[in-house]
Every structure is written in structure tokens, then in C-alpha cells.
């Protein structure tokens, strides 16, 4: 699905309530923070 909100999508992923996020032509303000939050919670991010 999509929440139309990267902030809450990444928050859910970092809290273990979701398994993945896909970013299309990702804008830095939507994804830079979420990538680090999820990595430091044990996740993986790459193109």
C-alpha cells in the first residue's frame, strides 16, 4: 500500500511494523532520514 507519507512509512518500518519501502526517483527530503533510521534499527537500504 501507500500512506502518501514517507515519514510514517519509514517510522513503521523502523518499528518492525512493516517489511519494506520502495522509493521511485527518490527525493532526498523524503528518504535520507528514513534510510538511516531503518539501517540503524537493523535494516538494509540500497538502490
ModelCIF file with pLDDT and N, C-alpha, C, O atoms, coordinates in Angstrom:
data_MODEL
#
_entry.id   MODEL 
#
_entity.id                         1 
_entity.type                       polymer 
_entity.pdbx_number_of_molecules   1 
#
_entity_poly.entity_id                      1 
_entity_poly.type                           'polypeptide(L)' 
_entity_poly.nstd_linkage                   no 
_entity_poly.nstd_monomer                   no 
_entity_poly.pdbx_seq_one_letter_code       
;(UNK)(UNK)(UNK)(UNK)(UNK)(UNK)(UNK)(UNK)(UNK)(UNK)(UNK)(UNK)(UNK)(UNK)(UNK)(UNK)
(UNK)(UNK)(UNK)(UNK)(UNK)(UNK)(UNK)(UNK)(UNK)(UNK)(UNK)(UNK)(UNK)(UNK)(UNK)(UNK)
(UNK)(UNK)(UNK)(UNK)(UNK)(UNK)(UNK)(UNK)(UNK)(UNK)(UNK)(UNK)(UNK)(UNK)(UNK)
;
_entity_poly.pdbx_seq_one_letter_code_can   XXXXXXXXXXXXXXXXXXXXXXXXXXXXXXXXXXXXXXXXXXXXXXX 
_entity_poly.pdbx_strand_id                 A 
#
loop_
_entity_poly_seq.entity_id 
_entity_poly_seq.num 
_entity_poly_seq.mon_id 
_entity_poly_seq.hetero 
1 1  UNK n 
1 2  UNK n 
1 3  UNK n 
1 4  UNK n 
1 5  UNK n 
1 6  UNK n 
1 7  UNK n 
1 8  UNK n 
1 9  UNK n 
1 10 UNK n 
1 11 UNK n 
1 12 UNK n 
1 13 UNK n 
1 14 UNK n 
1 15 UNK n 
1 16 UNK n 
1 17 UNK n 
1 18 UNK n 
1 19 UNK n 
1 20 UNK n 
1 21 UNK n 
1 22 UNK n 
1 23 UNK n 
1 24 UNK n 
1 25 UNK n 
1 26 UNK n 
1 27 UNK n 
1 28 UNK n 
1 29 UNK n 
1 30 UNK n 
1 31 UNK n 
1 32 UNK n 
1 33 UNK n 
1 34 UNK n 
1 35 UNK n 
1 36 UNK n 
1 37 UNK n 
1 38 UNK n 
1 39 UNK n 
1 40 UNK n 
1 41 UNK n 
1 42 UNK n 
1 43 UNK n 
1 44 UNK n 
1 45 UNK n 
1 46 UNK n 
1 47 UNK n 
#
_struct_asym.id          A 
_struct_asym.entity_id   1 
#
loop_
_ma_qa_metric.id 
_ma_qa_metric.mode 
_ma_qa_metric.name 
_ma_qa_metric.software_group_id 
_ma_qa_metric.type 
1 global pLDDT . pLDDT 
2 local  pLDDT . pLDDT 
#
_ma_qa_metric_global.metric_id      1 
_ma_qa_metric_global.metric_value   97.38 
_ma_qa_metric_global.model_id       1 
_ma_qa_metric_global.ordinal_id     1 
#
loop_
_ma_qa_metric_local.label_asym_id 
_ma_qa_metric_local.label_comp_id 
_ma_qa_metric_local.label_seq_id 
_ma_qa_metric_local.metric_id 
_ma_qa_metric_local.metric_value 
_ma_qa_metric_local.model_id 
_ma_qa_metric_local.ordinal_id 
A UNK 1  2 97.00 1 1  
A UNK 2  2 97.00 1 2  
A UNK 3  2 97.00 1 3  
A UNK 4  2 95.00 1 4  
A UNK 5  2 97.00 1 5  
A UNK 6  2 98.00 1 6  
A UNK 7  2 98.00 1 7  
A UNK 8  2 98.00 1 8  
A UNK 9  2 98.00 1 9  
A UNK 10 2 98.00 1 10 
A UNK 11 2 98.00 1 11 
A UNK 12 2 98.00 1 12 
A UNK 13 2 98.00 1 13 
A UNK 14 2 98.00 1 14 
A UNK 15 2 98.00 1 15 
A UNK 16 2 98.00 1 16 
A UNK 17 2 98.00 1 17 
A UNK 18 2 98.00 1 18 
A UNK 19 2 98.00 1 19 
A UNK 20 2 98.00 1 20 
A UNK 21 2 98.00 1 21 
A UNK 22 2 97.00 1 22 
A UNK 23 2 97.00 1 23 
A UNK 24 2 95.00 1 24 
A UNK 25 2 90.00 1 25 
A UNK 26 2 95.00 1 26 
A UNK 27 2 96.00 1 27 
A UNK 28 2 97.00 1 28 
A UNK 29 2 97.00 1 29 
A UNK 30 2 97.00 1 30 
A UNK 31 2 98.00 1 31 
A UNK 32 2 98.00 1 32 
A UNK 33 2 98.00 1 33 
A UNK 34 2 98.00 1 34 
A UNK 35 2 98.00 1 35 
A UNK 36 2 98.00 1 36 
A UNK 37 2 98.00 1 37 
A UNK 38 2 98.00 1 38 
A UNK 39 2 98.00 1 39 
A UNK 40 2 98.00 1 40 
A UNK 41 2 98.00 1 41 
A UNK 42 2 98.00 1 42 
A UNK 43 2 98.00 1 43 
A UNK 44 2 98.00 1 44 
A UNK 45 2 98.00 1 45 
A UNK 46 2 98.00 1 46 
A UNK 47 2 97.00 1 47 
#
loop_
_atom_site.group_PDB 
_atom_site.id 
_atom_site.type_symbol 
_atom_site.label_atom_id 
_atom_site.label_alt_id 
_atom_site.label_comp_id 
_atom_site.label_asym_id 
_atom_site.label_entity_id 
_atom_site.label_seq_id 
_atom_site.pdbx_PDB_ins_code 
_atom_site.Cartn_x 
_atom_site.Cartn_y 
_atom_site.Cartn_z 
_atom_site.occupancy 
_atom_site.B_iso_or_equiv 
_atom_site.pdbx_formal_charge 
_atom_site.auth_seq_id 
_atom_site.auth_comp_id 
_atom_site.auth_asym_id 
_atom_site.auth_atom_id 
_atom_site.pdbx_PDB_model_num 
ATOM 1   N N  . UNK A 1 1  ? 0.842  -1.190 0.000  1.00 97.00 ? 1  UNK A N  1 
ATOM 2   C CA . UNK A 1 1  ? 0.000  0.000  0.000  1.00 97.00 ? 1  UNK A CA 1 
ATOM 3   C C  . UNK A 1 1  ? 0.876  1.238  0.000  1.00 97.00 ? 1  UNK A C  1 
ATOM 4   O O  . UNK A 1 1  ? 2.095  1.141  -0.142 1.00 97.00 ? 1  UNK A O  1 
ATOM 5   N N  . UNK A 1 2  ? 0.267  2.394  0.157  1.00 97.00 ? 2  UNK A N  1 
ATOM 6   C CA . UNK A 1 2  ? 0.980  3.670  0.286  1.00 97.00 ? 2  UNK A CA 1 
ATOM 7   C C  . UNK A 1 2  ? 0.208  4.553  1.248  1.00 97.00 ? 2  UNK A C  1 
ATOM 8   O O  . UNK A 1 2  ? -1.018 4.633  1.181  1.00 97.00 ? 2  UNK A O  1 
ATOM 9   N N  . UNK A 1 3  ? 0.927  5.215  2.144  1.00 97.00 ? 3  UNK A N  1 
ATOM 10  C CA . UNK A 1 3  ? 0.311  6.151  3.080  1.00 97.00 ? 3  UNK A CA 1 
ATOM 11  C C  . UNK A 1 3  ? 0.373  7.587  2.582  1.00 97.00 ? 3  UNK A C  1 
ATOM 12  O O  . UNK A 1 3  ? -0.136 8.495  3.240  1.00 97.00 ? 3  UNK A O  1 
ATOM 13  N N  . UNK A 1 4  ? 0.994  7.801  1.423  1.00 95.00 ? 4  UNK A N  1 
ATOM 14  C CA . UNK A 1 4  ? 1.240  9.149  0.915  1.00 95.00 ? 4  UNK A CA 1 
ATOM 15  C C  . UNK A 1 4  ? 2.035  9.968  1.940  1.00 95.00 ? 4  UNK A C  1 
ATOM 16  O O  . UNK A 1 4  ? 1.852  11.179 2.059  1.00 95.00 ? 4  UNK A O  1 
ATOM 17  N N  . UNK A 1 5  ? 2.908  9.293  2.666  1.00 97.00 ? 5  UNK A N  1 
ATOM 18  C CA . UNK A 1 5  ? 3.687  9.961  3.711  1.00 97.00 ? 5  UNK A CA 1 
ATOM 19  C C  . UNK A 1 5  ? 4.914  9.120  4.035  1.00 97.00 ? 5  UNK A C  1 
ATOM 20  O O  . UNK A 1 5  ? 4.822  8.142  4.777  1.00 97.00 ? 5  UNK A O  1 
ATOM 21  N N  . UNK A 1 6  ? 6.061  9.497  3.481  1.00 98.00 ? 6  UNK A N  1 
ATOM 22  C CA . UNK A 1 6  ? 7.298  8.758  3.749  1.00 98.00 ? 6  UNK A CA 1 
ATOM 23  C C  . UNK A 1 6  ? 7.632  8.745  5.233  1.00 98.00 ? 6  UNK A C  1 
ATOM 24  O O  . UNK A 1 6  ? 8.158  7.756  5.744  1.00 98.00 ? 6  UNK A O  1 
ATOM 25  N N  . UNK A 1 7  ? 7.329  9.839  5.928  1.00 98.00 ? 7  UNK A N  1 
ATOM 26  C CA . UNK A 1 7  ? 7.660  9.924  7.345  1.00 98.00 ? 7  UNK A CA 1 
ATOM 27  C C  . UNK A 1 7  ? 7.077  8.752  8.115  1.00 98.00 ? 7  UNK A C  1 
ATOM 28  O O  . UNK A 1 7  ? 7.795  8.093  8.868  1.00 98.00 ? 7  UNK A O  1 
ATOM 29  N N  . UNK A 1 8  ? 5.792  8.480  7.941  1.00 98.00 ? 8  UNK A N  1 
ATOM 30  C CA . UNK A 1 8  ? 5.168  7.404  8.702  1.00 98.00 ? 8  UNK A CA 1 
ATOM 31  C C  . UNK A 1 8  ? 5.469  6.038  8.110  1.00 98.00 ? 8  UNK A C  1 
ATOM 32  O O  . UNK A 1 8  ? 5.464  5.046  8.840  1.00 98.00 ? 8  UNK A O  1 
ATOM 33  N N  . UNK A 1 9  ? 5.728  5.955  6.830  1.00 98.00 ? 9  UNK A N  1 
ATOM 34  C CA . UNK A 1 9  ? 6.123  4.670  6.261  1.00 98.00 ? 9  UNK A CA 1 
ATOM 35  C C  . UNK A 1 9  ? 7.464  4.222  6.840  1.00 98.00 ? 9  UNK A C  1 
ATOM 36  O O  . UNK A 1 9  ? 7.613  3.067  7.241  1.00 98.00 ? 9  UNK A O  1 
ATOM 37  N N  . UNK A 1 10 ? 8.427  5.122  6.884  1.00 98.00 ? 10 UNK A N  1 
ATOM 38  C CA . UNK A 1 10 ? 9.722  4.759  7.455  1.00 98.00 ? 10 UNK A CA 1 
ATOM 39  C C  . UNK A 1 10 ? 9.636  4.543  8.962  1.00 98.00 ? 10 UNK A C  1 
ATOM 40  O O  . UNK A 1 10 ? 10.333 3.682  9.498  1.00 98.00 ? 10 UNK A O  1 
ATOM 41  N N  . UNK A 1 11 ? 8.806  5.297  9.647  1.00 98.00 ? 11 UNK A N  1 
ATOM 42  C CA . UNK A 1 11 ? 8.632  5.065  11.083 1.00 98.00 ? 11 UNK A CA 1 
ATOM 43  C C  . UNK A 1 11 ? 8.097  3.654  11.331 1.00 98.00 ? 11 UNK A C  1 
ATOM 44  O O  . UNK A 1 11 ? 8.573  2.962  12.230 1.00 98.00 ? 11 UNK A O  1 
ATOM 45  N N  . UNK A 1 12 ? 7.128  3.233  10.552 1.00 98.00 ? 12 UNK A N  1 
ATOM 46  C CA . UNK A 1 12 ? 6.582  1.893  10.720 1.00 98.00 ? 12 UNK A CA 1 
ATOM 47  C C  . UNK A 1 12 ? 7.624  0.822  10.419 1.00 98.00 ? 12 UNK A C  1 
ATOM 48  O O  . UNK A 1 12 ? 7.698  -0.188 11.119 1.00 98.00 ? 12 UNK A O  1 
ATOM 49  N N  . UNK A 1 13 ? 8.426  1.038  9.381  1.00 98.00 ? 13 UNK A N  1 
ATOM 50  C CA . UNK A 1 13 ? 9.475  0.074  9.043  1.00 98.00 ? 13 UNK A CA 1 
ATOM 51  C C  . UNK A 1 13 ? 10.499 -0.022 10.167 1.00 98.00 ? 13 UNK A C  1 
ATOM 52  O O  . UNK A 1 13 ? 10.896 -1.123 10.550 1.00 98.00 ? 13 UNK A O  1 
ATOM 53  N N  . UNK A 1 14 ? 10.931 1.121  10.700 1.00 98.00 ? 14 UNK A N  1 
ATOM 54  C CA . UNK A 1 14 ? 11.934 1.130  11.768 1.00 98.00 ? 14 UNK A CA 1 
ATOM 55  C C  . UNK A 1 14 ? 11.411 0.510  13.054 1.00 98.00 ? 14 UNK A C  1 
ATOM 56  O O  . UNK A 1 14 ? 12.198 0.022  13.866 1.00 98.00 ? 14 UNK A O  1 
ATOM 57  N N  . UNK A 1 15 ? 10.091 0.519  13.255 1.00 98.00 ? 15 UNK A N  1 
ATOM 58  C CA . UNK A 1 15 ? 9.496  -0.052 14.463 1.00 98.00 ? 15 UNK A CA 1 
ATOM 59  C C  . UNK A 1 15 ? 9.122  -1.524 14.303 1.00 98.00 ? 15 UNK A C  1 
ATOM 60  O O  . UNK A 1 15 ? 8.589  -2.128 15.233 1.00 98.00 ? 15 UNK A O  1 
ATOM 61  N N  . UNK A 1 16 ? 9.391  -2.100 13.146 1.00 98.00 ? 16 UNK A N  1 
ATOM 62  C CA . UNK A 1 16 ? 9.092  -3.510 12.939 1.00 98.00 ? 16 UNK A CA 1 
ATOM 63  C C  . UNK A 1 16 ? 7.672  -3.798 12.524 1.00 98.00 ? 16 UNK A C  1 
ATOM 64  O O  . UNK A 1 16 ? 7.239  -4.949 12.572 1.00 98.00 ? 16 UNK A O  1 
ATOM 65  N N  . UNK A 1 17 ? 6.924  -2.768 12.111 1.00 98.00 ? 17 UNK A N  1 
ATOM 66  C CA . UNK A 1 17 ? 5.523  -2.948 11.733 1.00 98.00 ? 17 UNK A CA 1 
ATOM 67  C C  . UNK A 1 17 ? 5.342  -3.091 10.224 1.00 98.00 ? 17 UNK A C  1 
ATOM 68  O O  . UNK A 1 17 ? 4.214  -3.259 9.759  1.00 98.00 ? 17 UNK A O  1 
ATOM 69  N N  . UNK A 1 18 ? 6.406  -3.031 9.466  1.00 98.00 ? 18 UNK A N  1 
ATOM 70  C CA . UNK A 1 18 ? 6.381  -3.230 8.019  1.00 98.00 ? 18 UNK A CA 1 
ATOM 71  C C  . UNK A 1 18 ? 7.718  -3.835 7.626  1.00 98.00 ? 18 UNK A C  1 
ATOM 72  O O  . UNK A 1 18 ? 8.658  -3.866 8.420  1.00 98.00 ? 18 UNK A O  1 
ATOM 73  N N  . UNK A 1 19 ? 7.791  -4.319 6.385  1.00 98.00 ? 19 UNK A N  1 
ATOM 74  C CA . UNK A 1 19 ? 8.984  -5.043 5.943  1.00 98.00 ? 19 UNK A CA 1 
ATOM 75  C C  . UNK A 1 19 ? 9.785  -4.330 4.868  1.00 98.00 ? 19 UNK A C  1 
ATOM 76  O O  . UNK A 1 19 ? 10.968 -4.623 4.691  1.00 98.00 ? 19 UNK A O  1 
ATOM 77  N N  . UNK A 1 20 ? 9.169  -3.399 4.144  1.00 98.00 ? 20 UNK A N  1 
ATOM 78  C CA . UNK A 1 20 ? 9.933  -2.734 3.086  1.00 98.00 ? 20 UNK A CA 1 
ATOM 79  C C  . UNK A 1 20 ? 9.273  -1.433 2.667  1.00 98.00 ? 20 UNK A C  1 
ATOM 80  O O  . UNK A 1 20 ? 8.074  -1.228 2.853  1.00 98.00 ? 20 UNK A O  1 
ATOM 81  N N  . UNK A 1 21 ? 10.097 -0.556 2.094  1.00 98.00 ? 21 UNK A N  1 
ATOM 82  C CA . UNK A 1 21 ? 9.650  0.676  1.443  1.00 98.00 ? 21 UNK A CA 1 
ATOM 83  C C  . UNK A 1 21 ? 10.337 0.764  0.088  1.00 98.00 ? 21 UNK A C  1 
ATOM 84  O O  . UNK A 1 21 ? 11.535 0.502  -0.019 1.00 98.00 ? 21 UNK A O  1 
ATOM 85  N N  . UNK A 1 22 ? 9.599  1.127  -0.931 1.00 97.00 ? 22 UNK A N  1 
ATOM 86  C CA . UNK A 1 22 ? 10.157 1.332  -2.261 1.00 97.00 ? 22 UNK A CA 1 
ATOM 87  C C  . UNK A 1 22 ? 10.117 2.819  -2.580 1.00 97.00 ? 22 UNK A C  1 
ATOM 88  O O  . UNK A 1 22 ? 9.104  3.480  -2.354 1.00 97.00 ? 22 UNK A O  1 
ATOM 89  N N  . UNK A 1 23 ? 11.221 3.344  -3.104 1.00 97.00 ? 23 UNK A N  1 
ATOM 90  C CA . UNK A 1 23 ? 11.286 4.744  -3.491 1.00 97.00 ? 23 UNK A CA 1 
ATOM 91  C C  . UNK A 1 23 ? 11.577 4.883  -4.975 1.00 97.00 ? 23 UNK A C  1 
ATOM 92  O O  . UNK A 1 23 ? 12.573 4.353  -5.466 1.00 97.00 ? 23 UNK A O  1 
ATOM 93  N N  . UNK A 1 24 ? 10.721 5.586  -5.687 1.00 95.00 ? 24 UNK A N  1 
ATOM 94  C CA . UNK A 1 24 ? 10.881 5.783  -7.128 1.00 95.00 ? 24 UNK A CA 1 
ATOM 95  C C  . UNK A 1 24 ? 11.469 7.170  -7.367 1.00 95.00 ? 24 UNK A C  1 
ATOM 96  O O  . UNK A 1 24 ? 10.897 8.167  -6.926 1.00 95.00 ? 24 UNK A O  1 
ATOM 97  N N  . UNK A 1 25 ? 12.625 7.248  -8.072 1.00 90.00 ? 25 UNK A N  1 
ATOM 98  C CA . UNK A 1 25 ? 13.312 8.528  -8.269 1.00 90.00 ? 25 UNK A CA 1 
ATOM 99  C C  . UNK A 1 25 ? 13.330 9.303  -6.959 1.00 90.00 ? 25 UNK A C  1 
ATOM 100 O O  . UNK A 1 25 ? 12.779 10.401 -6.881 1.00 90.00 ? 25 UNK A O  1 
ATOM 101 N N  . UNK A 1 26 ? 13.952 8.748  -5.940 1.00 95.00 ? 26 UNK A N  1 
ATOM 102 C CA . UNK A 1 26 ? 13.775 9.261  -4.567 1.00 95.00 ? 26 UNK A CA 1 
ATOM 103 C C  . UNK A 1 26 ? 14.320 10.668 -4.355 1.00 95.00 ? 26 UNK A C  1 
ATOM 104 O O  . UNK A 1 26 ? 15.459 10.973 -4.710 1.00 95.00 ? 26 UNK A O  1 
ATOM 105 N N  . UNK A 1 27 ? 13.491 11.506 -3.775 1.00 96.00 ? 27 UNK A N  1 
ATOM 106 C CA . UNK A 1 27 ? 13.916 12.853 -3.414 1.00 96.00 ? 27 UNK A CA 1 
ATOM 107 C C  . UNK A 1 27 ? 14.562 12.810 -2.036 1.00 96.00 ? 27 UNK A C  1 
ATOM 108 O O  . UNK A 1 27 ? 14.060 12.122 -1.147 1.00 96.00 ? 27 UNK A O  1 
ATOM 109 N N  . UNK A 1 28 ? 15.658 13.525 -1.837 1.00 97.00 ? 28 UNK A N  1 
ATOM 110 C CA . UNK A 1 28 ? 16.411 13.372 -0.583 1.00 97.00 ? 28 UNK A CA 1 
ATOM 111 C C  . UNK A 1 28 ? 15.619 13.706 0.662  1.00 97.00 ? 28 UNK A C  1 
ATOM 112 O O  . UNK A 1 28 ? 15.796 13.057 1.693  1.00 97.00 ? 28 UNK A O  1 
ATOM 113 N N  . UNK A 1 29 ? 14.746 14.704 0.595  1.00 97.00 ? 29 UNK A N  1 
ATOM 114 C CA . UNK A 1 29 ? 13.977 15.089 1.787  1.00 97.00 ? 29 UNK A CA 1 
ATOM 115 C C  . UNK A 1 29 ? 12.960 14.025 2.178  1.00 97.00 ? 29 UNK A C  1 
ATOM 116 O O  . UNK A 1 29 ? 12.503 14.010 3.321  1.00 97.00 ? 29 UNK A O  1 
ATOM 117 N N  . UNK A 1 30 ? 12.595 13.136 1.260  1.00 97.00 ? 30 UNK A N  1 
ATOM 118 C CA . UNK A 1 30 ? 11.665 12.061 1.584  1.00 97.00 ? 30 UNK A CA 1 
ATOM 119 C C  . UNK A 1 30 ? 12.355 10.834 2.170  1.00 97.00 ? 30 UNK A C  1 
ATOM 120 O O  . UNK A 1 30 ? 11.738 10.093 2.935  1.00 97.00 ? 30 UNK A O  1 
ATOM 121 N N  . UNK A 1 31 ? 13.631 10.603 1.825  1.00 98.00 ? 31 UNK A N  1 
ATOM 122 C CA . UNK A 1 31 ? 14.239 9.301  2.089  1.00 98.00 ? 31 UNK A CA 1 
ATOM 123 C C  . UNK A 1 31 ? 15.517 9.314  2.917  1.00 98.00 ? 31 UNK A C  1 
ATOM 124 O O  . UNK A 1 31 ? 15.822 8.304  3.552  1.00 98.00 ? 31 UNK A O  1 
ATOM 125 N N  . UNK A 1 32 ? 16.274 10.397 2.943  1.00 98.00 ? 32 UNK A N  1 
ATOM 126 C CA . UNK A 1 32 ? 17.583 10.370 3.606  1.00 98.00 ? 32 UNK A CA 1 
ATOM 127 C C  . UNK A 1 32 ? 17.474 9.983  5.073  1.00 98.00 ? 32 UNK A C  1 
ATOM 128 O O  . UNK A 1 32 ? 18.236 9.142  5.551  1.00 98.00 ? 32 UNK A O  1 
ATOM 129 N N  . UNK A 1 33 ? 16.539 10.586 5.787  1.00 98.00 ? 33 UNK A N  1 
ATOM 130 C CA . UNK A 1 33 ? 16.378 10.277 7.207  1.00 98.00 ? 33 UNK A CA 1 
ATOM 131 C C  . UNK A 1 33 ? 15.887 8.848  7.404  1.00 98.00 ? 33 UNK A C  1 
ATOM 132 O O  . UNK A 1 33 ? 16.414 8.123  8.248  1.00 98.00 ? 33 UNK A O  1 
ATOM 133 N N  . UNK A 1 34 ? 14.894 8.441  6.641  1.00 98.00 ? 34 UNK A N  1 
ATOM 134 C CA . UNK A 1 34 ? 14.324 7.109  6.800  1.00 98.00 ? 34 UNK A CA 1 
ATOM 135 C C  . UNK A 1 34 ? 15.320 6.007  6.545  1.00 98.00 ? 34 UNK A C  1 
ATOM 136 O O  . UNK A 1 34 ? 15.305 4.984  7.230  1.00 98.00 ? 34 UNK A O  1 
ATOM 137 N N  . UNK A 1 35 ? 16.189 6.199  5.569  1.00 98.00 ? 35 UNK A N  1 
ATOM 138 C CA . UNK A 1 35 ? 17.219 5.202  5.286  1.00 98.00 ? 35 UNK A CA 1 
ATOM 139 C C  . UNK A 1 35 ? 18.104 4.979  6.508  1.00 98.00 ? 35 UNK A C  1 
ATOM 140 O O  . UNK A 1 35 ? 18.369 3.837  6.883  1.00 98.00 ? 35 UNK A O  1 
ATOM 141 N N  . UNK A 1 36 ? 18.562 6.063  7.129  1.00 98.00 ? 36 UNK A N  1 
ATOM 142 C CA . UNK A 1 36 ? 19.430 5.916  8.300  1.00 98.00 ? 36 UNK A CA 1 
ATOM 143 C C  . UNK A 1 36 ? 18.666 5.315  9.480  1.00 98.00 ? 36 UNK A C  1 
ATOM 144 O O  . UNK A 1 36 ? 19.189 4.443  10.173 1.00 98.00 ? 36 UNK A O  1 
ATOM 145 N N  . UNK A 1 37 ? 17.449 5.767  9.713  1.00 98.00 ? 37 UNK A N  1 
ATOM 146 C CA . UNK A 1 37 ? 16.655 5.221  10.817 1.00 98.00 ? 37 UNK A CA 1 
ATOM 147 C C  . UNK A 1 37 ? 16.486 3.715  10.677 1.00 98.00 ? 37 UNK A C  1 
ATOM 148 O O  . UNK A 1 37 ? 16.613 2.982  11.658 1.00 98.00 ? 37 UNK A O  1 
ATOM 149 N N  . UNK A 1 38 ? 16.202 3.251  9.472  1.00 98.00 ? 38 UNK A N  1 
ATOM 150 C CA . UNK A 1 38 ? 15.975 1.825  9.272  1.00 98.00 ? 38 UNK A CA 1 
ATOM 151 C C  . UNK A 1 38 ? 17.276 1.035  9.328  1.00 98.00 ? 38 UNK A C  1 
ATOM 152 O O  . UNK A 1 38 ? 17.300 -0.074 9.862  1.00 98.00 ? 38 UNK A O  1 
ATOM 153 N N  . UNK A 1 39 ? 18.349 1.584  8.787  1.00 98.00 ? 39 UNK A N  1 
ATOM 154 C CA . UNK A 1 39 ? 19.637 0.899  8.879  1.00 98.00 ? 39 UNK A CA 1 
ATOM 155 C C  . UNK A 1 39 ? 20.054 0.712  10.330 1.00 98.00 ? 39 UNK A C  1 
ATOM 156 O O  . UNK A 1 39 ? 20.474 -0.374 10.730 1.00 98.00 ? 39 UNK A O  1 
ATOM 157 N N  . UNK A 1 40 ? 19.937 1.772  11.108 1.00 98.00 ? 40 UNK A N  1 
ATOM 158 C CA . UNK A 1 40 ? 20.398 1.692  12.493 1.00 98.00 ? 40 UNK A CA 1 
ATOM 159 C C  . UNK A 1 40 ? 19.450 0.887  13.372 1.00 98.00 ? 40 UNK A C  1 
ATOM 160 O O  . UNK A 1 40 ? 19.766 0.598  14.526 1.00 98.00 ? 40 UNK A O  1 
ATOM 161 N N  . UNK A 1 41 ? 18.285 0.523  12.830 1.00 98.00 ? 41 UNK A N  1 
ATOM 162 C CA . UNK A 1 41 ? 17.377 -0.395 13.516 1.00 98.00 ? 41 UNK A CA 1 
ATOM 163 C C  . UNK A 1 41 ? 17.575 -1.826 13.033 1.00 98.00 ? 41 UNK A C  1 
ATOM 164 O O  . UNK A 1 41 ? 16.850 -2.728 13.452 1.00 98.00 ? 41 UNK A O  1 
ATOM 165 N N  . UNK A 1 42 ? 18.553 -2.040 12.153 1.00 98.00 ? 42 UNK A N  1 
ATOM 166 C CA . UNK A 1 42 ? 18.880 -3.375 11.674 1.00 98.00 ? 42 UNK A CA 1 
ATOM 167 C C  . UNK A 1 42 ? 18.510 -3.665 10.244 1.00 98.00 ? 42 UNK A C  1 
ATOM 168 O O  . UNK A 1 42 ? 18.683 -4.794 9.786  1.00 98.00 ? 42 UNK A O  1 
ATOM 169 N N  . UNK A 1 43 ? 17.998 -2.672 9.514  1.00 98.00 ? 43 UNK A N  1 
ATOM 170 C CA . UNK A 1 43 ? 17.569 -2.886 8.139  1.00 98.00 ? 43 UNK A CA 1 
ATOM 171 C C  . UNK A 1 43 ? 18.663 -2.626 7.121  1.00 98.00 ? 43 UNK A C  1 
ATOM 172 O O  . UNK A 1 43 ? 19.817 -2.380 7.472  1.00 98.00 ? 43 UNK A O  1 
ATOM 173 N N  . UNK A 1 44 ? 18.282 -2.685 5.858  1.00 98.00 ? 44 UNK A N  1 
ATOM 174 C CA . UNK A 1 44 ? 19.194 -2.543 4.724  1.00 98.00 ? 44 UNK A CA 1 
ATOM 175 C C  . UNK A 1 44 ? 18.562 -1.599 3.716  1.00 98.00 ? 44 UNK A C  1 
ATOM 176 O O  . UNK A 1 44 ? 17.356 -1.657 3.478  1.00 98.00 ? 44 UNK A O  1 
ATOM 177 N N  . UNK A 1 45 ? 19.372 -0.727 3.122  1.00 98.00 ? 45 UNK A N  1 
ATOM 178 C CA . UNK A 1 45 ? 18.864 0.176  2.089  1.00 98.00 ? 45 UNK A CA 1 
ATOM 179 C C  . UNK A 1 45 ? 19.907 0.311  0.985  1.00 98.00 ? 45 UNK A C  1 
ATOM 180 O O  . UNK A 1 45 ? 21.095 0.479  1.259  1.00 98.00 ? 45 UNK A O  1 
ATOM 181 N N  . UNK A 1 46 ? 19.456 0.238  -0.249 1.00 98.00 ? 46 UNK A N  1 
ATOM 182 C CA . UNK A 1 46 ? 20.335 0.426  -1.408 1.00 98.00 ? 46 UNK A CA 1 
ATOM 183 C C  . UNK A 1 46 ? 19.448 0.595  -2.636 1.00 98.00 ? 46 UNK A C  1 
ATOM 184 O O  . UNK A 1 46 ? 18.264 0.259  -2.618 1.00 98.00 ? 46 UNK A O  1 
ATOM 185 N N  . UNK A 1 47 ? 20.042 1.120  -3.696 1.00 97.00 ? 47 UNK A N  1 
ATOM 186 C CA . UNK A 1 47 ? 19.333 1.196  -4.966 1.00 97.00 ? 47 UNK A CA 1 
ATOM 187 C C  . UNK A 1 47 ? 19.287 -0.195 -5.601 1.00 97.00 ? 47 UNK A C  1 
ATOM 188 O O  . UNK A 1 47 ? 18.731 -0.359 -6.687 1.00 97.00 ? 47 UNK A O  1 
#
